[in-house]
N, C-alpha and C. Protein backbone atom coordinates (compact mmCIF):
# COMPACT_ATOMS: atom_id res chain seq x y z
N THR A 1 -31.29 4.25 8.52
CA THR A 1 -30.77 4.99 9.59
C THR A 1 -29.16 5.16 9.76
N SER A 2 -28.92 6.46 10.16
CA SER A 2 -27.47 6.69 10.30
C SER A 2 -26.82 6.07 11.31
N ARG A 3 -25.69 5.33 11.17
CA ARG A 3 -24.99 4.68 12.23
C ARG A 3 -23.68 5.11 12.19
N SER A 4 -22.93 5.15 13.40
CA SER A 4 -21.50 5.52 13.55
C SER A 4 -20.79 4.51 14.57
N LEU A 5 -19.34 4.36 14.07
CA LEU A 5 -18.61 3.45 14.76
C LEU A 5 -17.41 4.35 15.03
N GLN A 6 -16.81 4.18 16.23
CA GLN A 6 -15.43 4.81 16.62
C GLN A 6 -14.64 3.70 17.18
N ILE A 7 -13.55 3.68 16.69
CA ILE A 7 -12.50 2.77 17.51
C ILE A 7 -11.32 3.63 17.96
N ASN A 8 -10.96 3.28 19.38
CA ASN A 8 -9.98 4.17 19.85
C ASN A 8 -8.79 3.20 20.25
N TYR A 9 -7.57 3.66 20.36
CA TYR A 9 -6.53 2.94 20.69
C TYR A 9 -6.09 3.35 22.12
N SER A 10 -5.55 2.67 22.97
CA SER A 10 -4.74 2.97 24.25
C SER A 10 -3.33 3.22 24.03
N ALA A 11 -2.73 4.34 24.89
CA ALA A 11 -1.55 4.60 24.75
C ALA A 11 -1.19 5.49 26.01
N GLY A 12 -0.14 5.23 26.63
CA GLY A 12 0.44 6.05 27.81
C GLY A 12 -0.60 6.46 28.94
N GLY A 13 -1.50 5.17 29.17
CA GLY A 13 -2.43 5.56 30.22
C GLY A 13 -3.90 6.29 29.72
N GLY A 14 -3.78 6.50 28.43
CA GLY A 14 -5.12 7.20 27.90
C GLY A 14 -5.68 6.56 26.62
N THR A 15 -6.65 7.08 26.09
CA THR A 15 -7.22 6.71 24.78
C THR A 15 -7.19 7.88 23.78
N SER A 16 -7.03 7.72 22.48
CA SER A 16 -7.05 8.37 21.56
C SER A 16 -7.92 7.81 20.37
N PRO A 17 -8.53 8.54 19.58
CA PRO A 17 -9.28 8.01 18.42
C PRO A 17 -8.47 7.68 17.39
N PHE A 18 -8.76 6.57 16.71
CA PHE A 18 -8.00 5.96 15.43
C PHE A 18 -8.94 6.06 14.31
N MET A 19 -10.23 5.66 14.32
CA MET A 19 -11.15 5.55 13.31
C MET A 19 -12.51 6.01 13.57
N LYS A 20 -13.16 6.57 12.69
CA LYS A 20 -14.59 7.06 12.91
C LYS A 20 -15.39 6.84 11.62
N LEU A 21 -16.55 5.96 11.46
CA LEU A 21 -17.08 5.60 10.36
C LEU A 21 -18.59 6.08 10.55
N THR A 22 -19.07 6.71 9.58
CA THR A 22 -20.62 7.14 9.93
C THR A 22 -21.15 6.73 8.39
N VAL A 23 -22.10 5.70 8.46
CA VAL A 23 -22.86 5.20 7.32
C VAL A 23 -24.44 5.43 7.42
N SER A 24 -24.88 5.98 6.24
CA SER A 24 -26.29 6.43 6.49
C SER A 24 -27.26 5.92 5.30
N ASP A 25 -26.62 5.50 4.26
CA ASP A 25 -27.47 5.27 3.08
C ASP A 25 -26.78 4.28 2.14
N HIS A 26 -26.79 3.03 2.51
CA HIS A 26 -26.37 1.94 1.60
C HIS A 26 -27.45 1.48 0.60
N THR A 27 -27.06 1.32 -0.43
CA THR A 27 -27.96 0.94 -1.60
C THR A 27 -27.96 -0.21 -2.16
N TYR A 28 -26.65 -0.82 -2.22
CA TYR A 28 -26.40 -2.03 -2.83
C TYR A 28 -25.27 -2.98 -2.20
N VAL A 29 -25.49 -4.23 -2.02
CA VAL A 29 -24.48 -4.91 -1.37
C VAL A 29 -24.12 -6.18 -2.47
N PRO A 30 -23.05 -6.59 -2.63
CA PRO A 30 -22.55 -7.50 -3.53
C PRO A 30 -23.15 -8.85 -2.89
N GLY A 31 -23.86 -9.59 -3.90
CA GLY A 31 -24.33 -10.95 -3.48
C GLY A 31 -25.81 -10.75 -2.92
N ARG A 32 -26.26 -9.66 -2.62
CA ARG A 32 -27.68 -9.35 -2.09
C ARG A 32 -28.33 -8.43 -3.23
N GLY A 33 -27.74 -7.69 -3.91
CA GLY A 33 -28.37 -6.64 -4.79
C GLY A 33 -28.66 -5.42 -4.11
N ASN A 34 -29.62 -4.63 -4.62
CA ASN A 34 -30.19 -3.42 -4.22
C ASN A 34 -30.71 -3.49 -2.79
N ILE A 35 -30.69 -2.65 -2.11
CA ILE A 35 -31.21 -2.71 -0.78
C ILE A 35 -32.34 -1.84 -0.63
N ALA A 36 -33.44 -2.40 -0.16
CA ALA A 36 -34.71 -1.45 0.02
C ALA A 36 -34.79 -0.78 1.27
N VAL A 37 -35.58 0.18 1.25
CA VAL A 37 -35.67 0.84 2.61
C VAL A 37 -36.08 0.07 3.68
N GLY A 38 -35.51 0.17 4.70
CA GLY A 38 -35.85 -0.56 6.05
C GLY A 38 -34.98 -1.96 6.06
N ASP A 39 -34.39 -2.40 4.77
CA ASP A 39 -33.48 -3.57 5.11
C ASP A 39 -32.25 -3.13 5.94
N SER A 40 -31.74 -4.36 6.39
CA SER A 40 -30.42 -4.00 7.26
C SER A 40 -29.32 -4.94 6.64
N VAL A 41 -28.13 -4.50 6.94
CA VAL A 41 -26.90 -4.86 6.41
C VAL A 41 -25.86 -5.20 7.55
N LEU A 42 -25.38 -6.36 7.61
CA LEU A 42 -24.39 -6.62 8.64
C LEU A 42 -22.97 -5.92 8.08
N MET A 43 -22.57 -4.97 8.86
CA MET A 43 -21.12 -4.31 8.24
C MET A 43 -20.31 -4.55 9.22
N THR A 44 -18.91 -4.92 8.87
CA THR A 44 -17.68 -5.35 9.79
C THR A 44 -16.51 -4.21 9.52
N ALA A 45 -16.05 -3.79 10.51
CA ALA A 45 -14.76 -3.04 10.47
C ALA A 45 -13.71 -3.77 11.14
N THR A 46 -12.42 -4.14 10.36
CA THR A 46 -11.44 -4.98 10.89
C THR A 46 -10.11 -4.02 10.72
N VAL A 47 -9.72 -3.86 11.96
CA VAL A 47 -8.15 -3.19 11.99
C VAL A 47 -7.14 -4.33 12.15
N ASP A 48 -5.94 -3.91 11.18
CA ASP A 48 -4.69 -4.73 11.25
C ASP A 48 -3.71 -3.85 12.09
N PRO A 49 -3.83 -4.14 13.12
CA PRO A 49 -2.79 -3.37 14.09
C PRO A 49 -1.26 -3.12 13.77
N ASN A 50 -0.92 -4.34 12.83
CA ASN A 50 0.59 -4.21 12.40
C ASN A 50 0.77 -3.25 11.20
N ALA A 51 -0.23 -3.38 10.31
CA ALA A 51 -0.38 -2.49 9.09
C ALA A 51 -0.86 -1.27 9.19
N LEU A 52 -1.64 -1.02 10.16
CA LEU A 52 -2.55 0.06 10.32
C LEU A 52 -3.60 0.36 9.34
N THR A 53 -4.15 -0.77 8.78
CA THR A 53 -5.14 -0.69 7.64
C THR A 53 -6.46 -1.09 8.26
N ILE A 54 -7.43 -0.57 7.67
CA ILE A 54 -8.88 -0.89 8.18
C ILE A 54 -9.50 -1.51 6.75
N SER A 55 -10.35 -2.69 7.08
CA SER A 55 -11.10 -3.43 6.19
C SER A 55 -12.51 -3.10 6.45
N LEU A 56 -13.36 -2.54 5.66
CA LEU A 56 -14.66 -2.36 5.80
C LEU A 56 -15.48 -3.41 4.81
N GLU A 57 -16.29 -4.04 5.38
CA GLU A 57 -16.97 -5.14 4.61
C GLU A 57 -18.49 -5.05 4.83
N PRO A 58 -19.33 -5.64 4.01
CA PRO A 58 -18.99 -6.41 2.77
C PRO A 58 -18.21 -5.36 1.68
N HIS A 59 -17.09 -5.85 1.37
CA HIS A 59 -16.43 -4.99 0.24
C HIS A 59 -17.46 -4.80 -0.74
N GLN A 60 -17.34 -3.48 -1.39
CA GLN A 60 -18.00 -3.05 -2.54
C GLN A 60 -19.39 -2.63 -2.22
N THR A 61 -19.74 -2.71 -0.87
CA THR A 61 -21.14 -2.11 -0.55
C THR A 61 -21.13 -0.69 -1.04
N GLN A 62 -22.22 -0.44 -1.71
CA GLN A 62 -22.16 1.02 -2.31
C GLN A 62 -23.31 1.93 -1.61
N PHE A 63 -22.99 3.17 -1.50
CA PHE A 63 -24.00 4.09 -0.91
C PHE A 63 -24.51 5.11 -1.66
N GLY A 64 -25.78 5.67 -1.52
CA GLY A 64 -26.33 6.71 -2.38
C GLY A 64 -25.75 8.10 -1.79
N THR A 65 -25.74 8.18 -0.54
CA THR A 65 -25.14 9.39 0.09
C THR A 65 -23.79 8.76 0.75
N PRO A 66 -22.60 9.33 0.32
CA PRO A 66 -21.29 9.05 0.75
C PRO A 66 -21.32 8.90 2.31
N SER A 67 -20.68 7.79 2.70
CA SER A 67 -20.29 7.61 4.10
C SER A 67 -19.18 8.26 4.41
N GLN A 68 -18.76 8.75 5.58
CA GLN A 68 -17.68 9.23 6.13
C GLN A 68 -16.68 8.60 6.87
N LEU A 69 -15.57 8.66 6.39
CA LEU A 69 -14.58 7.79 7.23
C LEU A 69 -13.40 8.84 7.63
N GLN A 70 -13.03 8.86 8.92
CA GLN A 70 -12.07 9.75 9.55
C GLN A 70 -11.10 8.61 10.17
N ILE A 71 -9.81 8.85 9.77
CA ILE A 71 -8.70 8.08 10.34
C ILE A 71 -7.52 9.05 10.88
N TRP A 72 -7.28 8.68 12.08
CA TRP A 72 -6.16 9.66 12.80
C TRP A 72 -4.95 8.77 12.78
N TYR A 73 -3.81 9.83 12.54
CA TYR A 73 -2.44 9.27 12.47
C TYR A 73 -1.73 9.68 13.80
N SER A 74 -2.26 10.37 14.52
CA SER A 74 -1.70 11.02 15.91
C SER A 74 -0.90 9.98 16.58
N GLY A 75 -1.30 8.56 16.60
CA GLY A 75 -0.61 7.61 17.25
C GLY A 75 0.88 7.43 16.80
N ALA A 76 1.35 7.92 15.79
CA ALA A 76 2.67 7.89 15.30
C ALA A 76 3.52 8.66 16.12
N GLY A 77 2.99 9.69 16.81
CA GLY A 77 3.75 10.49 17.93
C GLY A 77 4.43 11.54 17.01
N GLY A 78 4.33 11.86 15.68
CA GLY A 78 4.99 12.86 14.98
C GLY A 78 6.19 12.05 14.13
N ASP A 79 6.54 11.02 14.51
CA ASP A 79 7.74 10.14 13.96
C ASP A 79 7.05 9.28 12.69
N LEU A 80 6.70 9.98 11.62
CA LEU A 80 5.96 9.31 10.37
C LEU A 80 6.97 8.37 9.79
N ASN A 81 8.15 8.70 9.72
CA ASN A 81 9.08 7.53 8.93
C ASN A 81 9.54 6.61 9.78
N ASP A 82 9.17 6.67 11.22
CA ASP A 82 9.62 5.72 12.08
C ASP A 82 11.10 5.38 12.28
N ASP A 83 11.89 6.53 12.28
CA ASP A 83 13.06 6.42 12.42
C ASP A 83 13.71 6.87 13.92
N GLY A 84 12.81 6.97 14.85
CA GLY A 84 13.15 7.31 16.35
C GLY A 84 13.37 8.95 16.37
N VAL A 85 13.17 9.60 15.49
CA VAL A 85 13.57 10.99 15.59
C VAL A 85 12.29 11.83 14.98
N VAL A 86 11.83 12.82 15.58
CA VAL A 86 10.96 13.82 15.01
C VAL A 86 11.51 15.01 14.57
N ASP A 87 11.60 15.25 13.31
CA ASP A 87 12.17 16.19 12.60
C ASP A 87 11.61 16.67 11.24
N ALA A 88 12.40 17.54 10.57
CA ALA A 88 11.94 18.20 9.40
C ALA A 88 11.47 17.17 8.10
N ASN A 89 12.13 15.92 8.25
CA ASN A 89 11.58 14.88 7.40
C ASN A 89 10.19 14.45 7.68
N ASP A 90 9.83 14.34 9.09
CA ASP A 90 8.58 13.97 9.37
C ASP A 90 7.46 15.08 8.98
N ALA A 91 7.94 16.32 9.19
CA ALA A 91 7.04 17.47 8.82
C ALA A 91 6.86 17.51 7.40
N TYR A 92 7.84 17.22 6.56
CA TYR A 92 7.67 17.05 5.07
C TYR A 92 6.86 15.99 4.68
N ILE A 93 6.87 14.95 5.27
CA ILE A 93 5.91 13.63 4.88
C ILE A 93 4.59 14.01 5.26
N GLU A 94 4.39 14.70 6.55
CA GLU A 94 3.08 15.05 6.85
C GLU A 94 2.43 16.11 5.79
N THR A 95 3.07 17.00 5.52
CA THR A 95 2.50 18.05 4.56
C THR A 95 2.49 17.97 3.12
N HIS A 96 3.33 16.92 2.52
CA HIS A 96 3.58 16.72 1.15
C HIS A 96 3.32 15.32 0.75
N LEU A 97 3.42 14.12 1.62
CA LEU A 97 3.37 12.80 1.18
C LEU A 97 2.13 12.19 1.73
N LEU A 98 1.97 12.34 2.88
CA LEU A 98 0.86 11.57 3.71
C LEU A 98 -0.35 11.63 2.97
N GLY A 99 -1.18 10.54 2.76
CA GLY A 99 -2.64 10.78 2.39
C GLY A 99 -3.26 9.41 2.62
N MET A 100 -4.62 9.43 2.29
CA MET A 100 -5.47 8.42 2.45
C MET A 100 -5.46 7.51 1.23
N TRP A 101 -5.45 6.12 1.37
CA TRP A 101 -5.33 5.20 0.39
C TRP A 101 -6.57 3.96 0.54
N TYR A 102 -6.74 3.50 -0.57
CA TYR A 102 -7.81 2.48 -0.58
C TYR A 102 -7.46 1.16 -1.35
N GLN A 103 -7.77 0.05 -1.05
CA GLN A 103 -7.66 -1.24 -1.58
C GLN A 103 -8.99 -1.69 -1.91
N ALA A 104 -9.46 -1.70 -3.34
CA ALA A 104 -10.79 -2.07 -3.87
C ALA A 104 -10.91 -3.76 -3.64
N ASP A 105 -9.85 -4.51 -3.95
CA ASP A 105 -9.99 -5.93 -3.52
C ASP A 105 -8.81 -6.25 -2.75
N PRO A 106 -9.09 -7.18 -1.58
CA PRO A 106 -8.00 -7.50 -0.50
C PRO A 106 -6.76 -7.84 -1.17
N THR A 107 -6.57 -8.23 -2.33
CA THR A 107 -5.30 -8.67 -2.76
C THR A 107 -4.76 -7.68 -3.99
N GLY A 108 -5.62 -6.81 -4.03
CA GLY A 108 -5.17 -5.82 -5.14
C GLY A 108 -4.32 -4.54 -4.79
N PRO A 109 -3.77 -3.86 -5.61
CA PRO A 109 -3.00 -2.57 -5.49
C PRO A 109 -3.59 -1.63 -4.48
N TRP A 110 -2.92 -0.61 -3.86
CA TRP A 110 -3.60 0.51 -3.34
C TRP A 110 -3.42 1.61 -3.95
N SER A 111 -4.42 2.45 -3.87
CA SER A 111 -4.60 3.62 -4.69
C SER A 111 -4.90 4.94 -3.81
N GLN A 112 -4.40 5.99 -3.94
CA GLN A 112 -4.73 7.05 -3.22
C GLN A 112 -5.98 7.76 -3.49
N ILE A 113 -6.80 8.09 -2.55
CA ILE A 113 -8.12 8.77 -2.82
C ILE A 113 -8.19 10.27 -2.23
N SER A 114 -8.96 10.94 -2.61
CA SER A 114 -9.23 12.38 -2.34
C SER A 114 -9.82 12.30 -0.65
N ALA A 115 -8.89 13.01 0.09
CA ALA A 115 -9.34 13.15 1.77
C ALA A 115 -8.96 14.35 1.82
N THR A 116 -9.57 14.99 2.94
CA THR A 116 -9.36 16.25 3.50
C THR A 116 -8.54 15.99 4.89
N GLN A 117 -7.38 16.64 4.92
CA GLN A 117 -6.36 16.38 5.91
C GLN A 117 -6.43 17.56 6.97
N SER A 118 -6.54 17.11 8.24
CA SER A 118 -6.50 18.17 9.28
C SER A 118 -5.22 18.17 10.15
N LEU A 119 -4.45 18.97 9.95
CA LEU A 119 -3.01 19.13 10.60
C LEU A 119 -3.25 19.12 12.20
N SER A 120 -4.32 19.81 12.57
CA SER A 120 -4.68 20.18 14.09
C SER A 120 -4.98 18.92 14.70
N THR A 121 -5.81 18.01 14.08
CA THR A 121 -6.29 16.86 14.69
C THR A 121 -5.39 15.58 14.17
N LYS A 122 -4.39 15.78 13.41
CA LYS A 122 -3.78 14.81 12.68
C LYS A 122 -4.57 13.81 12.29
N SER A 123 -5.42 14.02 11.34
CA SER A 123 -6.37 12.96 10.70
C SER A 123 -6.91 13.20 9.18
N PHE A 124 -7.23 12.34 8.61
CA PHE A 124 -7.87 12.47 7.43
C PHE A 124 -9.31 11.93 7.26
N THR A 125 -10.02 12.74 6.56
CA THR A 125 -11.45 12.39 6.49
C THR A 125 -11.91 12.33 4.79
N ALA A 126 -12.50 11.13 4.67
CA ALA A 126 -13.00 10.83 3.07
C ALA A 126 -14.32 10.63 3.06
N ALA A 127 -15.01 11.05 1.87
CA ALA A 127 -16.37 10.42 1.56
C ALA A 127 -16.28 9.42 0.91
N LEU A 128 -16.80 8.29 1.33
CA LEU A 128 -16.75 6.92 0.63
C LEU A 128 -17.96 6.80 -0.21
N GLN A 129 -17.87 6.09 -1.31
CA GLN A 129 -18.84 5.75 -2.13
C GLN A 129 -19.09 4.17 -2.03
N HIS A 130 -18.11 3.62 -1.54
CA HIS A 130 -18.21 1.90 -1.31
C HIS A 130 -17.25 1.70 -0.13
N PHE A 131 -17.45 0.38 0.30
CA PHE A 131 -16.45 -0.32 1.43
C PHE A 131 -15.28 -0.83 0.51
N SER A 132 -14.16 -0.75 1.18
CA SER A 132 -12.97 -1.34 0.71
C SER A 132 -12.03 -1.47 1.77
N GLY A 133 -10.81 -1.66 1.59
CA GLY A 133 -9.77 -1.42 2.55
C GLY A 133 -9.09 0.10 2.45
N TYR A 134 -8.86 0.50 3.83
CA TYR A 134 -8.29 1.89 3.95
C TYR A 134 -7.23 2.21 4.51
N SER A 135 -6.24 3.02 4.62
CA SER A 135 -5.07 3.28 5.31
C SER A 135 -4.65 4.72 5.10
N VAL A 136 -4.05 5.16 6.07
CA VAL A 136 -3.30 6.48 5.80
C VAL A 136 -1.87 6.01 5.99
N SER A 137 -1.25 6.46 4.78
CA SER A 137 0.03 6.10 4.55
C SER A 137 0.91 7.20 3.60
N TRP A 138 2.09 6.96 3.29
CA TRP A 138 2.94 7.76 2.16
C TRP A 138 3.65 6.76 1.37
């Protein structure tokens, strides 16, 4: 059964989306093995508010049909280099450097993954083959 989770953040008296995950076809879970039709899997999404990273667990859970992860970066308010000024440097970062990254192992390095950027919604969407740590960064 397809399931979705959306996490919002509060700012300026309102809420805005931060992350949306849609999972529909888990096939393998480390430590449990292949998943049969009808089996359920406890999944956890943990957000680190300081590093703005998301950890999806159990790590390395695999999917037959890719899951969809969307992460919004609109909470940065346009100041992507955190220098207190929204300027051409931020526009360059957004259009040339910003991307979605994953961390296969919680202590391992980060690698950029293929994701679709929406400048209008200020978000990235990626098709996930497995659970790991994820972030939007440059």
